[in-house]
Amino acid sequence: APAKEREFVAAINWSGGNPYYADSVKGRFTISRN
C-alpha cells in the first residue's frame, strides 16, 4: 500500500501445492497453481 512496506499475502509450494497465508487474509483468500 502507499507509504507502507511490502507485506506477505500468500504463497504456494510449486510441486506439492501446499499453501501459506498471512493471518490477515486467511479464510478470505485462496492461492492455487496450475
PDB file of all heavy atoms in Angstrom:
ATOM      1  N   ALA A   1       0.841  -1.181   0.000  1.00  0.00           N
ATOM      2  CA  ALA A   1       0.000   0.000   0.000  1.00  0.00           C
ATOM      3  C   ALA A   1       0.883   1.240   0.000  1.00  0.00           C
ATOM      4  O   ALA A   1       2.063   1.169   0.355  1.00  0.00           O
ATOM      5  CB  ALA A   1      -0.923  -0.003   1.218  1.00  0.00           C
ATOM      6  N   PRO A   2       0.335   2.386  -0.391  1.00  0.00           N
ATOM      7  CA  PRO A   2       1.126   3.616  -0.392  1.00  0.00           C
ATOM      8  C   PRO A   2       1.746   3.896   0.971  1.00  0.00           C
ATOM      9  O   PRO A   2       1.085   3.788   2.002  1.00  0.00           O
ATOM     10  CB  PRO A   2       0.101   4.693  -0.765  1.00  0.00           C
ATOM     11  CG  PRO A   2      -0.921   3.964  -1.571  1.00  0.00           C
ATOM     12  CD  PRO A   2      -1.018   2.603  -0.932  1.00  0.00           C
ATOM     13  N   ALA A   3       3.019   4.221   0.956  1.00  0.00           N
ATOM     14  CA  ALA A   3       3.768   4.562   2.164  1.00  0.00           C
ATOM     15  C   ALA A   3       3.886   3.391   3.140  1.00  0.00           C
ATOM     16  O   ALA A   3       4.208   3.600   4.311  1.00  0.00           O
ATOM     17  CB  ALA A   3       3.159   5.767   2.865  1.00  0.00           C
ATOM     18  N   LYS A   4       3.637   2.190   2.671  1.00  0.00           N
ATOM     19  CA  LYS A   4       3.750   1.006   3.508  1.00  0.00           C
ATOM     20  C   LYS A   4       4.787   0.053   2.925  1.00  0.00           C
ATOM     21  O   LYS A   4       5.102   0.093   1.739  1.00  0.00           O
ATOM     22  CB  LYS A   4       2.404   0.298   3.638  1.00  0.00           C
ATOM     23  CG  LYS A   4       1.302   1.136   4.258  1.00  0.00           C
ATOM     24  CD  LYS A   4       1.581   1.412   5.728  1.00  0.00           C
ATOM     25  CE  LYS A   4       0.461   2.222   6.349  1.00  0.00           C
ATOM     26  NZ  LYS A   4      -0.819   1.466   6.349  1.00  0.00           N
ATOM     27  N   GLU A   5       5.299  -0.806   3.792  1.00  0.00           N
ATOM     28  CA  GLU A   5       6.235  -1.815   3.332  1.00  0.00           C
ATOM     29  C   GLU A   5       5.497  -2.935   2.619  1.00  0.00           C
ATOM     30  O   GLU A   5       4.316  -3.179   2.860  1.00  0.00           O
ATOM     31  CB  GLU A   5       7.025  -2.378   4.510  1.00  0.00           C
ATOM     32  CG  GLU A   5       7.951  -1.384   5.179  1.00  0.00           C
ATOM     33  CD  GLU A   5       8.762  -2.016   6.288  1.00  0.00           C
ATOM     34  OE1 GLU A   5       8.473  -3.176   6.652  1.00  0.00           O
ATOM     35  OE2 GLU A   5       9.685  -1.362   6.787  1.00  0.00           O
ATOM     36  N   ARG A   6       6.213  -3.597   1.744  1.00  0.00           N
ATOM     37  CA  ARG A   6       5.641  -4.737   1.062  1.00  0.00           C
ATOM     38  C   ARG A   6       5.407  -5.866   2.062  1.00  0.00           C
ATOM     39  O   ARG A   6       6.300  -6.220   2.841  1.00  0.00           O
ATOM     40  CB  ARG A   6       6.576  -5.198  -0.056  1.00  0.00           C
ATOM     41  CG  ARG A   6       5.978  -6.240  -0.982  1.00  0.00           C
ATOM     42  CD  ARG A   6       6.853  -6.430  -2.219  1.00  0.00           C
ATOM     43  NE  ARG A   6       6.977  -5.194  -2.982  1.00  0.00           N
ATOM     44  CZ  ARG A   6       7.603  -5.116  -4.157  1.00  0.00           C
ATOM     45  NH1 ARG A   6       8.151  -6.188  -4.696  1.00  0.00           N
ATOM     46  NH2 ARG A   6       7.675  -3.947  -4.778  1.00  0.00           N
ATOM     47  N   GLU A   7       4.207  -6.430   2.051  1.00  0.00           N
ATOM     48  CA  GLU A   7       3.863  -7.460   3.010  1.00  0.00           C
ATOM     49  C   GLU A   7       3.409  -8.740   2.323  1.00  0.00           C
ATOM     50  O   GLU A   7       2.838  -8.718   1.233  1.00  0.00           O
ATOM     51  CB  GLU A   7       2.768  -6.970   3.968  1.00  0.00           C
ATOM     52  CG  GLU A   7       1.429  -6.720   3.311  1.00  0.00           C
ATOM     53  CD  GLU A   7       0.340  -6.379   4.309  1.00  0.00           C
ATOM     54  OE1 GLU A   7       0.589  -6.477   5.524  1.00  0.00           O
ATOM     55  OE2 GLU A   7      -0.766  -6.003   3.874  1.00  0.00           O
ATOM     56  N   PHE A   8       3.646  -9.826   3.007  1.00  0.00           N
ATOM     57  CA  PHE A   8       3.283 -11.138   2.514  1.00  0.00           C
ATOM     58  C   PHE A   8       1.782 -11.332   2.526  1.00  0.00           C
ATOM     59  O   PHE A   8       1.096 -10.932   3.468  1.00  0.00           O
ATOM     60  CB  PHE A   8       3.959 -12.203   3.375  1.00  0.00           C
ATOM     61  CG  PHE A   8       3.488 -13.597   3.109  1.00  0.00           C
ATOM     62  CD1 PHE A   8       3.887 -14.278   1.974  1.00  0.00           C
ATOM     63  CD2 PHE A   8       2.654 -14.238   4.009  1.00  0.00           C
ATOM     64  CE1 PHE A   8       3.462 -15.570   1.729  1.00  0.00           C
ATOM     65  CE2 PHE A   8       2.221 -15.530   3.782  1.00  0.00           C
ATOM     66  CZ  PHE A   8       2.628 -16.196   2.635  1.00  0.00           C
ATOM     67  N   VAL A   9       1.271 -11.964   1.481  1.00  0.00           N
ATOM     68  CA  VAL A   9      -0.151 -12.285   1.383  1.00  0.00           C
ATOM     69  C   VAL A   9      -0.365 -13.793   1.391  1.00  0.00           C
ATOM     70  O   VAL A   9      -1.073 -14.328   2.237  1.00  0.00           O
ATOM     71  CB  VAL A   9      -0.785 -11.674   0.127  1.00  0.00           C
ATOM     72  CG1 VAL A   9      -2.248 -12.096   0.008  1.00  0.00           C
ATOM     73  CG2 VAL A   9      -0.659 -10.156   0.148  1.00  0.00           C
ATOM     74  N   ALA A  10       0.239 -14.475   0.439  1.00  0.00           N
ATOM     75  CA  ALA A  10       0.064 -15.916   0.313  1.00  0.00           C
ATOM     76  C   ALA A  10       1.196 -16.492  -0.514  1.00  0.00           C
ATOM     77  O   ALA A  10       1.830 -15.787  -1.297  1.00  0.00           O
ATOM     78  CB  ALA A  10      -1.287 -16.253  -0.331  1.00  0.00           C
ATOM     79  N   ALA A  11       1.440 -17.778  -0.343  1.00  0.00           N
ATOM     80  CA  ALA A  11       2.457 -18.465  -1.116  1.00  0.00           C
ATOM     81  C   ALA A  11       2.048 -19.915  -1.292  1.00  0.00           C
ATOM     82  O   ALA A  11       1.202 -20.437  -0.553  1.00  0.00           O
ATOM     83  CB  ALA A  11       3.827 -18.372  -0.443  1.00  0.00           C
ATOM     84  N   ILE A  12       2.661 -20.564  -2.263  1.00  0.00           N
ATOM     85  CA  ILE A  12       2.342 -21.955  -2.530  1.00  0.00           C
ATOM     86  C   ILE A  12       3.583 -22.694  -2.987  1.00  0.00           C
ATOM     87  O   ILE A  12       4.369 -22.178  -3.785  1.00  0.00           O
ATOM     88  CB  ILE A  12       1.195 -22.069  -3.566  1.00  0.00           C
ATOM     89  CG1 ILE A  12       0.685 -23.505  -3.652  1.00  0.00           C
ATOM     90  CG2 ILE A  12       1.629 -21.555  -4.938  1.00  0.00           C
ATOM     91  CD1 ILE A  12      -0.647 -23.624  -4.385  1.00  0.00           C
ATOM     92  N   ASN A  13       3.761 -23.880  -2.453  1.00  0.00           N
ATOM     93  CA  ASN A  13       4.822 -24.759  -2.913  1.00  0.00           C
ATOM     94  C   ASN A  13       4.460 -25.264  -4.297  1.00  0.00           C
ATOM     95  O   ASN A  13       3.350 -25.751  -4.517  1.00  0.00           O
ATOM     96  CB  ASN A  13       4.984 -25.919  -1.928  1.00  0.00           C
ATOM     97  CG  ASN A  13       5.935 -26.987  -2.420  1.00  0.00           C
ATOM     98  OD1 ASN A  13       5.533 -27.947  -3.067  1.00  0.00           O
ATOM     99  ND2 ASN A  13       7.213 -26.821  -2.116  1.00  0.00           N
ATOM    100  N   TRP A  14       5.396 -25.132  -5.238  1.00  0.00           N
ATOM    101  CA  TRP A  14       5.053 -25.390  -6.626  1.00  0.00           C
ATOM    102  C   TRP A  14       4.752 -26.846  -6.918  1.00  0.00           C
ATOM    103  O   TRP A  14       3.793 -27.157  -7.620  1.00  0.00           O
ATOM    104  CB  TRP A  14       6.159 -24.888  -7.551  1.00  0.00           C
ATOM    105  CG  TRP A  14       5.665 -24.687  -8.941  1.00  0.00           C
ATOM    106  CD1 TRP A  14       6.034 -25.365 -10.057  1.00  0.00           C
ATOM    107  CD2 TRP A  14       4.678 -23.737  -9.356  1.00  0.00           C
ATOM    108  NE1 TRP A  14       5.347 -24.905 -11.143  1.00  0.00           N
ATOM    109  CE2 TRP A  14       4.507 -23.900 -10.749  1.00  0.00           C
ATOM    110  CE3 TRP A  14       3.936 -22.764  -8.685  1.00  0.00           C
ATOM    111  CZ2 TRP A  14       3.604 -23.130 -11.472  1.00  0.00           C
ATOM    112  CZ3 TRP A  14       3.035 -21.997  -9.408  1.00  0.00           C
ATOM    113  CH2 TRP A  14       2.884 -22.185 -10.787  1.00  0.00           C
ATOM    114  N   SER A  15       5.542 -27.738  -6.392  1.00  0.00           N
ATOM    115  CA  SER A  15       5.354 -29.152  -6.684  1.00  0.00           C
ATOM    116  C   SER A  15       4.240 -29.781  -5.849  1.00  0.00           C
ATOM    117  O   SER A  15       3.419 -30.539  -6.371  1.00  0.00           O
ATOM    118  CB  SER A  15       6.659 -29.917  -6.481  1.00  0.00           C
ATOM    119  OG  SER A  15       7.116 -29.813  -5.141  1.00  0.00           O
ATOM    120  N   GLY A  16       4.201 -29.460  -4.565  1.00  0.00           N
ATOM    121  CA  GLY A  16       3.221 -30.075  -3.689  1.00  0.00           C
ATOM    122  C   GLY A  16       1.914 -29.319  -3.556  1.00  0.00           C
ATOM    123  O   GLY A  16       0.904 -29.890  -3.149  1.00  0.00           O
ATOM    124  N   GLY A  17       1.930 -28.026  -3.864  1.00  0.00           N
ATOM    125  CA  GLY A  17       0.729 -27.225  -3.771  1.00  0.00           C
ATOM    126  C   GLY A  17       0.341 -26.828  -2.352  1.00  0.00           C
ATOM    127  O   GLY A  17      -0.799 -26.422  -2.120  1.00  0.00           O
ATOM    128  N   ASN A  18       1.260 -26.928  -1.410  1.00  0.00           N
ATOM    129  CA  ASN A  18       0.960 -26.552  -0.032  1.00  0.00           C
ATOM    130  C   ASN A  18       0.838 -25.035   0.090  1.00  0.00           C
ATOM    131  O   ASN A  18       1.762 -24.311  -0.275  1.00  0.00           O
ATOM    132  CB  ASN A  18       2.050 -27.051   0.902  1.00  0.00           C
ATOM    133  CG  ASN A  18       2.207 -28.555   0.838  1.00  0.00           C
ATOM    134  OD1 ASN A  18       1.222 -29.289   0.807  1.00  0.00           O
ATOM    135  ND2 ASN A  18       3.444 -29.030   0.827  1.00  0.00           N
ATOM    136  N   PRO A  19      -0.289 -24.546   0.601  1.00  0.00           N
ATOM    137  CA  PRO A  19      -0.493 -23.100   0.685  1.00  0.00           C
ATOM    138  C   PRO A  19      -0.055 -22.507   2.019  1.00  0.00           C
ATOM    139  O   PRO A  19      -0.059 -23.182   3.051  1.00  0.00           O
ATOM    140  CB  PRO A  19      -2.003 -22.963   0.510  1.00  0.00           C
ATOM    141  CG  PRO A  19      -2.544 -24.194   1.182  1.00  0.00           C
ATOM    142  CD  PRO A  19      -1.526 -25.286   0.930  1.00  0.00           C
ATOM    143  N   TYR A  20       0.284 -21.241   1.975  1.00  0.00           N
ATOM    144  CA  TYR A  20       0.624 -20.476   3.164  1.00  0.00           C
ATOM    145  C   TYR A  20      -0.069 -19.126   3.053  1.00  0.00           C
ATOM    146  O   TYR A  20      -0.115 -18.530   1.977  1.00  0.00           O
ATOM    147  CB  TYR A  20       2.133 -20.286   3.286  1.00  0.00           C
ATOM    148  CG  TYR A  20       2.915 -21.572   3.230  1.00  0.00           C
ATOM    149  CD1 TYR A  20       3.292 -22.123   2.013  1.00  0.00           C
ATOM    150  CD2 TYR A  20       3.259 -22.248   4.398  1.00  0.00           C
ATOM    151  CE1 TYR A  20       4.001 -23.315   1.953  1.00  0.00           C
ATOM    152  CE2 TYR A  20       3.968 -23.442   4.340  1.00  0.00           C
ATOM    153  CZ  TYR A  20       4.334 -23.969   3.125  1.00  0.00           C
ATOM    154  OH  TYR A  20       5.036 -25.153   3.071  1.00  0.00           O
ATOM    155  N   TYR A  21      -0.612 -18.630   4.171  1.00  0.00           N
ATOM    156  CA  TYR A  21      -1.362 -17.395   4.148  1.00  0.00           C
ATOM    157  C   TYR A  21      -0.979 -16.481   5.297  1.00  0.00           C
ATOM    158  O   TYR A  21      -0.659 -16.939   6.403  1.00  0.00           O
ATOM    159  CB  TYR A  21      -2.864 -17.659   4.247  1.00  0.00           C
ATOM    160  CG  TYR A  21      -3.429 -18.473   3.116  1.00  0.00           C
ATOM    161  CD1 TYR A  21      -3.661 -19.830   3.268  1.00  0.00           C
ATOM    162  CD2 TYR A  21      -3.737 -17.881   1.893  1.00  0.00           C
ATOM    163  CE1 TYR A  21      -4.184 -20.585   2.234  1.00  0.00           C
ATOM    164  CE2 TYR A  21      -4.256 -18.629   0.855  1.00  0.00           C
ATOM    165  CZ  TYR A  21      -4.482 -19.974   1.021  1.00  0.00           C
ATOM    166  OH  TYR A  21      -4.998 -20.720  -0.008  1.00  0.00           O
ATOM    167  N   ALA A  22      -1.028 -15.202   5.023  1.00  0.00           N
ATOM    168  CA  ALA A  22      -0.949 -14.234   6.097  1.00  0.00           C
ATOM    169  C   ALA A  22      -2.232 -14.298   6.914  1.00  0.00           C
ATOM    170  O   ALA A  22      -3.306 -14.587   6.385  1.00  0.00           O
ATOM    171  CB  ALA A  22      -0.757 -12.826   5.534  1.00  0.00           C
ATOM    172  N   ASP A  23      -2.117 -14.029   8.206  1.00  0.00           N
ATOM    173  CA  ASP A  23      -3.293 -14.081   9.064  1.00  0.00           C
ATOM    174  C   ASP A  23      -4.385 -13.121   8.605  1.00  0.00           C
ATOM    175  O   ASP A  23      -5.575 -13.400   8.772  1.00  0.00           O
ATOM    176  CB  ASP A  23      -2.909 -13.767  10.506  1.00  0.00           C
ATOM    177  CG  ASP A  23      -2.107 -14.882  11.150  1.00  0.00           C
ATOM    178  OD1 ASP A  23      -2.151 -16.021  10.650  1.00  0.00           O
ATOM    179  OD2 ASP A  23      -1.432 -14.610  12.164  1.00  0.00           O
ATOM    180  N   SER A  24      -3.992 -12.016   8.015  1.00  0.00           N
ATOM    181  CA  SER A  24      -4.947 -11.004   7.616  1.00  0.00           C
ATOM    182  C   SER A  24      -5.851 -11.438   6.466  1.00  0.00           C
ATOM    183  O   SER A  24      -6.912 -10.848   6.261  1.00  0.00           O
ATOM    184  CB  SER A  24      -4.216  -9.713   7.232  1.00  0.00           C
ATOM    185  OG  SER A  24      -3.322  -9.940   6.157  1.00  0.00           O
ATOM    186  N   VAL A  25      -5.433 -12.454   5.720  1.00  0.00           N
ATOM    187  CA  VAL A  25      -6.219 -12.888   4.571  1.00  0.00           C
ATOM    188  C   VAL A  25      -6.703 -14.320   4.696  1.00  0.00           C
ATOM    189  O   VAL A  25      -7.492 -14.777   3.855  1.00  0.00           O
ATOM    190  CB  VAL A  25      -5.429 -12.727   3.258  1.00  0.00           C
ATOM    191  CG1 VAL A  25      -4.932 -11.296   3.105  1.00  0.00           C
ATOM    192  CG2 VAL A  25      -4.264 -13.713   3.203  1.00  0.00           C
ATOM    193  N   LYS A  26      -6.268 -15.020   5.707  1.00  0.00           N
ATOM    194  CA  LYS A  26      -6.653 -16.412   5.876  1.00  0.00           C
ATOM    195  C   LYS A  26      -8.168 -16.536   6.003  1.00  0.00           C
ATOM    196  O   LYS A  26      -8.803 -15.809   6.765  1.00  0.00           O
ATOM    197  CB  LYS A  26      -5.957 -17.002   7.103  1.00  0.00           C
ATOM    198  CG  LYS A  26      -6.096 -18.511   7.238  1.00  0.00           C
ATOM    199  CD  LYS A  26      -5.255 -19.033   8.399  1.00  0.00           C
ATOM    200  CE  LYS A  26      -3.774 -18.785   8.177  1.00  0.00           C
ATOM    201  NZ  LYS A  26      -2.941 -19.337   9.281  1.00  0.00           N
ATOM    202  N   GLY A  27      -8.731 -17.446   5.239  1.00  0.00           N
ATOM    203  CA  GLY A  27     -10.171 -17.628   5.225  1.00  0.00           C
ATOM    204  C   GLY A  27     -10.882 -16.824   4.170  1.00  0.00           C
ATOM    205  O   GLY A  27     -12.046 -17.099   3.863  1.00  0.00           O
ATOM    206  N   ARG A  28     -10.209 -15.821   3.619  1.00  0.00           N
ATOM    207  CA  ARG A  28     -10.797 -14.990   2.573  1.00  0.00           C
ATOM    208  C   ARG A  28     -10.118 -15.191   1.225  1.00  0.00           C
ATOM    209  O   ARG A  28     -10.773 -15.160   0.189  1.00  0.00           O
ATOM    210  CB  ARG A  28     -10.711 -13.510   2.950  1.00  0.00           C
ATOM    211  CG  ARG A  28     -11.463 -13.154   4.222  1.00  0.00           C
ATOM    212  CD  ARG A  28     -11.497 -11.643   4.421  1.00  0.00           C
ATOM    213  NE  ARG A  28     -10.151 -11.088   4.613  1.00  0.00           N
ATOM    214  CZ  ARG A  28      -9.620 -10.131   3.862  1.00  0.00           C
ATOM    215  NH1 ARG A  28     -10.322  -9.613   2.858  1.00  0.00           N
ATOM    216  NH2 ARG A  28      -8.399  -9.678   4.116  1.00  0.00           N
ATOM    217  N   PHE A  29      -8.805 -15.393   1.248  1.00  0.00           N
ATOM    218  CA  PHE A  29      -8.039 -15.554   0.027  1.00  0.00           C
ATOM    219  C   PHE A  29      -7.646 -17.012  -0.144  1.00  0.00           C
ATOM    220  O   PHE A  29      -7.405 -17.724   0.834  1.00  0.00           O
ATOM    221  CB  PHE A  29      -6.766 -14.708   0.053  1.00  0.00           C
ATOM    222  CG  PHE A  29      -6.986 -13.224   0.003  1.00  0.00           C
ATOM    223  CD1 PHE A  29      -8.250 -12.674   0.125  1.00  0.00           C
ATOM    224  CD2 PHE A  29      -5.902 -12.378  -0.156  1.00  0.00           C
ATOM    225  CE1 PHE A  29      -8.447 -11.308   0.080  1.00  0.00           C
ATOM    226  CE2 PHE A  29      -6.082 -11.008  -0.206  1.00  0.00           C
ATOM    227  CZ  PHE A  29      -7.347 -10.474  -0.087  1.00  0.00           C
ATOM    228  N   THR A  30      -7.547 -17.439  -1.381  1.00  0.00           N
ATOM    229  CA  THR A  30      -7.114 -18.786  -1.698  1.00  0.00           C
ATOM    230  C   THR A  30      -6.080 -18.738  -2.809  1.00  0.00           C
ATOM    231  O   THR A  30      -6.335 -18.157  -3.866  1.00  0.00           O
ATOM    232  CB  THR A  30      -8.283 -19.672  -2.142  1.00  0.00           C
ATOM    233  OG1 THR A  30      -9.277 -19.715  -1.114  1.00  0.00           O
ATOM    234  CG2 THR A  30      -7.799 -21.095  -2.414  1.00  0.00           C
ATOM    235  N   ILE A  31      -4.935 -19.336  -2.560  1.00  0.00           N
ATOM    236  CA  ILE A  31      -3.898 -19.406  -3.577  1.00  0.00           C
ATOM    237  C   ILE A  31      -3.902 -20.798  -4.193  1.00  0.00           C
ATOM    238  O   ILE A  31      -4.122 -21.796  -3.504  1.00  0.00           O
ATOM    239  CB  ILE A  31      -2.508 -19.060  -2.996  1.00  0.00           C
ATOM    240  CG1 ILE A  31      -1.472 -18.926  -4.112  1.00  0.00           C
ATOM    241  CG2 ILE A  31      -2.063 -20.093  -1.965  1.00  0.00           C
ATOM    242  CD1 ILE A  31      -0.136 -18.356  -3.648  1.00  0.00           C
ATOM    243  N   SER A  32      -3.682 -20.861  -5.479  1.00  0.00           N
ATOM    244  CA  SER A  32      -3.622 -22.131  -6.184  1.00  0.00           C
ATOM    245  C   SER A  32      -2.684 -21.991  -7.370  1.00  0.00           C
ATOM    246  O   SER A  32      -2.269 -20.884  -7.721  1.00  0.00           O
ATOM    247  CB  SER A  32      -5.018 -22.572  -6.648  1.00  0.00           C
ATOM    248  OG  SER A  32      -5.585 -21.632  -7.537  1.00  0.00           O
ATOM    249  N   ARG A  33      -2.337 -23.118  -7.965  1.00  0.00           N
ATOM    250  CA  ARG A  33      -1.464 -23.053  -9.121  1.00  0.00           C
ATOM    251  C   ARG A  33      -1.811 -24.147 -10.117  1.00  0.00           C
ATOM    252  O   ARG A  33      -2.360 -25.179  -9.747  1.00  0.00           O
ATOM    253  CB  ARG A  33       0.023 -23.155  -8.726  1.00  0.00           C
ATOM    254  CG  ARG A  33       0.593 -24.577  -8.644  1.00  0.00           C
ATOM    255  CD  ARG A  33       0.289 -25.228  -7.324  1.00  0.00           C
ATOM    256  NE  ARG A  33       1.037 -26.466  -7.142  1.00  0.00           N
ATOM    257  CZ  ARG A  33       0.527 -27.671  -7.315  1.00  0.00           C
ATOM    258  NH1 ARG A  33      -0.757 -27.816  -7.661  1.00  0.00           N
ATOM    259  NH2 ARG A  33       1.279 -28.747  -7.114  1.00  0.00           N
ATOM    260  N   ASN A  34      -1.492 -23.880 -11.363  1.00  0.00           N
ATOM    261  CA  ASN A  34      -1.628 -24.838 -12.440  1.00  0.00           C
ATOM    262  C   ASN A  34      -0.234 -25.077 -12.992  1.00  0.00           C
ATOM    263  O   ASN A  34       0.343 -24.206 -13.640  1.00  0.00           O
ATOM    264  CB  ASN A  34      -2.571 -24.315 -13.527  1.00  0.00           C
ATOM    265  CG  ASN A  34      -2.865 -25.356 -14.591  1.00  0.00           C
ATOM    266  OD1 ASN A  34      -1.992 -26.116 -15.000  1.00  0.00           O
ATOM    267  ND2 ASN A  34      -4.114 -25.387 -15.049  1.00  0.00           N
TER     268      ASN A  34
END
